[in-house]
Amino acid sequence: MDILLIVVLVALLGFMFWNSRKRMQKMKAEQEAKNRQTVPGAEVLLQGGLYGTILEFDPEDLDKPALIEIAPGTAIRVHSQAIIRVVTPIEGDEADADDELVDAEEHEDAEFDRADAPAIESIDPEVDGKRKPEA
């Protein structure tokens, strides 16, 4: 009975070692693929949820900050590990459907008349220039 317990224990330890090694190899392959795709001009997702385009990135020195453009003319410096993944562009019919959706939204925005918009009032009584009675 003791020999069976030892065999099961050795088998479980062997499986755990094999599984962790397999997982480490997979993670290493994913990291290498990410490093190959992380080049200037690639669109990336940052850890804070921001999307941007890489302007400058040094794959050899990961302590050097990457320069990411988040809007035209607006670039930020982030730690290279803040880049979660490289975003792949949409291809084929999905891109056409998204373009049509954007065109429809722009058309709706163009029809919106600012004269019909309600006036915006401040909740700060000092901004309006008159003091509101306190309750």
C-alpha atoms as a PDB file:
ATOM      1  CA  MET A   1       0.000   0.000   0.000  1.00  0.00           C
ATOM      2  CA  ASP A   2       2.868   2.388   0.814  1.00  0.00           C
ATOM      3  CA  ILE A   3       4.479   1.743  -2.583  1.00  0.00           C
ATOM      4  CA  LEU A   4       1.234   2.669  -4.371  1.00  0.00           C
ATOM      5  CA  LEU A   5       1.063   5.953  -2.449  1.00  0.00           C
ATOM      6  CA  ILE A   6       4.685   6.774  -3.364  1.00  0.00           C
ATOM      7  CA  VAL A   7       4.043   5.966  -7.050  1.00  0.00           C
ATOM      8  CA  VAL A   8       0.969   8.234  -7.106  1.00  0.00           C
ATOM      9  CA  LEU A   9       2.929  11.015  -5.392  1.00  0.00           C
ATOM     10  CA  VAL A  10       5.814  10.723  -7.885  1.00  0.00           C
ATOM     11  CA  ALA A  11       3.336  10.697 -10.790  1.00  0.00           C
ATOM     12  CA  LEU A  12       1.622  13.871  -9.477  1.00  0.00           C
ATOM     13  CA  LEU A  13       4.954  15.626  -8.994  1.00  0.00           C
ATOM     14  CA  GLY A  14       6.018  14.619 -12.502  1.00  0.00           C
ATOM     15  CA  PHE A  15       2.750  15.928 -13.962  1.00  0.00           C
ATOM     16  CA  MET A  16       3.087  19.232 -12.089  1.00  0.00           C
ATOM     17  CA  PHE A  17       6.659  19.676 -13.324  1.00  0.00           C
ATOM     18  CA  TRP A  18       5.700  18.842 -16.924  1.00  0.00           C
ATOM     19  CA  ASN A  19       2.638  21.121 -16.848  1.00  0.00           C
ATOM     20  CA  SER A  20       4.517  24.117 -15.417  1.00  0.00           C
ATOM     21  CA  ARG A  21       7.310  23.677 -17.948  1.00  0.00           C
ATOM     22  CA  LYS A  22       4.783  23.520 -20.806  1.00  0.00           C
ATOM     23  CA  ARG A  23       3.067  26.676 -19.529  1.00  0.00           C
ATOM     24  CA  MET A  24       6.399  28.532 -19.241  1.00  0.00           C
ATOM     25  CA  GLN A  25       7.295  27.619 -22.832  1.00  0.00           C
ATOM     26  CA  LYS A  26       3.909  28.867 -24.028  1.00  0.00           C
ATOM     27  CA  MET A  27       4.306  32.168 -22.160  1.00  0.00           C
ATOM     28  CA  LYS A  28       7.813  32.613 -23.536  1.00  0.00           C
ATOM     29  CA  ALA A  29       6.575  32.022 -27.106  1.00  0.00           C
ATOM     30  CA  GLU A  30       3.751  34.559 -26.607  1.00  0.00           C
ATOM     31  CA  GLN A  31       6.216  37.135 -25.226  1.00  0.00           C
ATOM     32  CA  GLU A  32       8.559  36.629 -28.186  1.00  0.00           C
ATOM     33  CA  ALA A  33       5.651  37.023 -30.627  1.00  0.00           C
ATOM     34  CA  LYS A  34       4.593  40.234 -28.852  1.00  0.00           C
ATOM     35  CA  ASN A  35       8.162  41.568 -29.024  1.00  0.00           C
ATOM     36  CA  ARG A  36       8.329  40.865 -32.781  1.00  0.00           C
ATOM     37  CA  GLN A  37       5.037  42.721 -33.339  1.00  0.00           C
ATOM     38  CA  THR A  38       5.938  45.677 -31.092  1.00  0.00           C
ATOM     39  CA  VAL A  39       7.446  47.953 -33.708  1.00  0.00           C
ATOM     40  CA  PRO A  40       6.969  51.665 -34.477  1.00  0.00           C
ATOM     41  CA  GLY A  41       3.674  52.187 -36.295  1.00  0.00           C
ATOM     42  CA  ALA A  42       1.864  49.283 -34.581  1.00  0.00           C
ATOM     43  CA  GLU A  43      -1.359  50.010 -32.707  1.00  0.00           C
ATOM     44  CA  VAL A  44      -1.231  48.793 -29.106  1.00  0.00           C
ATOM     45  CA  LEU A  45      -3.430  48.472 -26.036  1.00  0.00           C
ATOM     46  CA  LEU A  46      -1.905  49.906 -22.872  1.00  0.00           C
ATOM     47  CA  GLN A  47      -2.475  48.663 -19.357  1.00  0.00           C
ATOM     48  CA  GLY A  48      -4.703  51.636 -18.483  1.00  0.00           C
ATOM     49  CA  GLY A  49      -7.080  50.819 -21.330  1.00  0.00           C
ATOM     50  CA  LEU A  50      -5.689  53.427 -23.730  1.00  0.00           C
ATOM     51  CA  TYR A  51      -5.104  52.618 -27.371  1.00  0.00           C
ATOM     52  CA  GLY A  52      -2.218  54.225 -29.188  1.00  0.00           C
ATOM     53  CA  THR A  53       0.391  53.929 -31.916  1.00  0.00           C
ATOM     54  CA  ILE A  54       4.017  53.182 -31.123  1.00  0.00           C
ATOM     55  CA  LEU A  55       6.360  55.982 -32.132  1.00  0.00           C
ATOM     56  CA  GLU A  56       9.484  54.754 -30.370  1.00  0.00           C
ATOM     57  CA  PHE A  57      10.284  51.416 -28.695  1.00  0.00           C
ATOM     58  CA  ASP A  58      13.552  49.697 -27.783  1.00  0.00           C
ATOM     59  CA  PRO A  59      13.083  45.898 -27.490  1.00  0.00           C
ATOM     60  CA  GLU A  60      16.640  45.398 -26.174  1.00  0.00           C
ATOM     61  CA  ASP A  61      16.333  47.872 -23.268  1.00  0.00           C
ATOM     62  CA  LEU A  62      12.922  47.284 -21.674  1.00  0.00           C
ATOM     63  CA  ASP A  63      13.667  49.813 -18.917  1.00  0.00           C
ATOM     64  CA  LYS A  64      13.686  52.606 -21.498  1.00  0.00           C
ATOM     65  CA  PRO A  65      10.184  54.127 -21.831  1.00  0.00           C
ATOM     66  CA  ALA A  66       8.227  53.672 -25.034  1.00  0.00           C
ATOM     67  CA  LEU A  67       6.779  56.698 -26.804  1.00  0.00           C
ATOM     68  CA  ILE A  68       3.101  56.143 -27.668  1.00  0.00           C
ATOM     69  CA  GLU A  69       0.878  58.508 -29.668  1.00  0.00           C
ATOM     70  CA  ILE A  70      -2.633  58.406 -28.192  1.00  0.00           C
ATOM     71  CA  ALA A  71      -4.061  61.199 -30.353  1.00  0.00           C
ATOM     72  CA  PRO A  72      -2.715  63.159 -33.315  1.00  0.00           C
ATOM     73  CA  GLY A  73       0.068  65.308 -31.899  1.00  0.00           C
ATOM     74  CA  THR A  74      -0.265  63.863 -28.369  1.00  0.00           C
ATOM     75  CA  ALA A  75       2.441  61.424 -27.323  1.00  0.00           C
ATOM     76  CA  ILE A  76       3.024  59.889 -23.899  1.00  0.00           C
ATOM     77  CA  ARG A  77       5.946  57.999 -22.432  1.00  0.00           C
ATOM     78  CA  VAL A  78       5.053  54.680 -20.808  1.00  0.00           C
ATOM     79  CA  HIS A  79       7.026  51.812 -19.353  1.00  0.00           C
ATOM     80  CA  SER A  80       7.514  49.140 -21.977  1.00  0.00           C
ATOM     81  CA  GLN A  81       5.683  46.598 -19.802  1.00  0.00           C
ATOM     82  CA  ALA A  82       2.569  48.796 -19.864  1.00  0.00           C
ATOM     83  CA  ILE A  83       1.967  47.571 -23.412  1.00  0.00           C
ATOM     84  CA  ILE A  84      -0.462  44.697 -22.916  1.00  0.00           C
ATOM     85  CA  ARG A  85      -0.885  43.585 -26.496  1.00  0.00           C
ATOM     86  CA  VAL A  86      -0.532  44.610 -30.104  1.00  0.00           C
ATOM     87  CA  VAL A  87      -3.944  45.273 -31.650  1.00  0.00           C
ATOM     88  CA  THR A  88      -4.506  43.562 -34.975  1.00  0.00           C
ATOM     89  CA  PRO A  89      -6.380  45.499 -37.664  1.00  0.00           C
ATOM     90  CA  ILE A  90      -9.873  44.433 -38.705  1.00  0.00           C
ATOM     91  CA  GLU A  91      -9.957  42.838 -42.134  1.00  0.00           C
ATOM     92  CA  GLY A  92     -12.570  42.004 -44.749  1.00  0.00           C
ATOM     93  CA  ASP A  93     -16.329  42.480 -44.381  1.00  0.00           C
ATOM     94  CA  GLU A  94     -16.118  43.533 -40.731  1.00  0.00           C
ATOM     95  CA  ALA A  95     -14.149  46.663 -41.701  1.00  0.00           C
ATOM     96  CA  ASP A  96     -16.816  47.644 -44.266  1.00  0.00           C
ATOM     97  CA  ALA A  97     -19.602  47.191 -41.706  1.00  0.00           C
ATOM     98  CA  ASP A  98     -17.727  49.335 -39.170  1.00  0.00           C
ATOM     99  CA  ASP A  99     -17.149  52.062 -41.784  1.00  0.00           C
ATOM    100  CA  GLU A 100     -20.877  52.148 -42.573  1.00  0.00           C
ATOM    101  CA  LEU A 101     -21.677  52.432 -38.854  1.00  0.00           C
ATOM    102  CA  VAL A 102     -19.246  55.333 -38.430  1.00  0.00           C
ATOM    103  CA  ASP A 103     -20.705  57.091 -41.511  1.00  0.00           C
ATOM    104  CA  ALA A 104     -24.229  56.750 -40.075  1.00  0.00           C
ATOM    105  CA  GLU A 105     -23.110  58.172 -36.706  1.00  0.00           C
ATOM    106  CA  GLU A 106     -21.401  61.126 -38.406  1.00  0.00           C
ATOM    107  CA  HIS A 107     -24.590  61.759 -40.413  1.00  0.00           C
ATOM    108  CA  GLU A 108     -26.676  61.804 -37.222  1.00  0.00           C
ATOM    109  CA  ASP A 109     -24.200  64.201 -35.580  1.00  0.00           C
ATOM    110  CA  ALA A 110     -24.362  66.505 -38.605  1.00  0.00           C
ATOM    111  CA  GLU A 111     -28.166  66.738 -38.291  1.00  0.00           C
ATOM    112  CA  PHE A 112     -27.957  67.767 -34.640  1.00  0.00           C
ATOM    113  CA  ASP A 113     -28.660  71.497 -34.339  1.00  0.00           C
ATOM    114  CA  ARG A 114     -26.916  73.235 -31.459  1.00  0.00           C
ATOM    115  CA  ALA A 115     -29.771  75.757 -31.204  1.00  0.00           C
ATOM    116  CA  ASP A 116     -32.028  72.884 -30.104  1.00  0.00           C
ATOM    117  CA  ALA A 117     -29.618  71.907 -27.330  1.00  0.00           C
ATOM    118  CA  PRO A 118     -30.695  72.788 -23.794  1.00  0.00           C
ATOM    119  CA  ALA A 119     -28.757  75.487 -21.977  1.00  0.00           C
ATOM    120  CA  ILE A 120     -26.160  74.178 -19.572  1.00  0.00           C
ATOM    121  CA  GLU A 121     -26.220  75.599 -16.098  1.00  0.00           C
ATOM    122  CA  SER A 122     -23.497  75.286 -13.521  1.00  0.00           C
ATOM    123  CA  ILE A 123     -24.198  73.622 -10.216  1.00  0.00           C
ATOM    124  CA  ASP A 124     -21.782  76.054  -8.561  1.00  0.00           C
ATOM    125  CA  PRO A 125     -23.775  79.146  -7.460  1.00  0.00           C
ATOM    126  CA  GLU A 126     -20.705  81.411  -7.715  1.00  0.00           C
ATOM    127  CA  VAL A 127     -20.251  80.659 -11.432  1.00  0.00           C
ATOM    128  CA  ASP A 128     -23.701  81.940 -12.406  1.00  0.00           C
ATOM    129  CA  GLY A 129     -23.041  85.210 -10.582  1.00  0.00           C
ATOM    130  CA  LYS A 130     -25.985  84.893  -8.265  1.00  0.00           C
ATOM    131  CA  ARG A 131     -26.178  83.315  -4.908  1.00  0.00           C
ATOM    132  CA  LYS A 132     -28.817  80.648  -4.414  1.00  0.00           C
ATOM    133  CA  PRO A 133     -30.618  80.524  -1.087  1.00  0.00           C
ATOM    134  CA  GLU A 134     -29.298  77.948   1.335  1.00  0.00           C
ATOM    135  CA  ALA A 135     -31.733  75.417   2.732  1.00  0.00           C
END
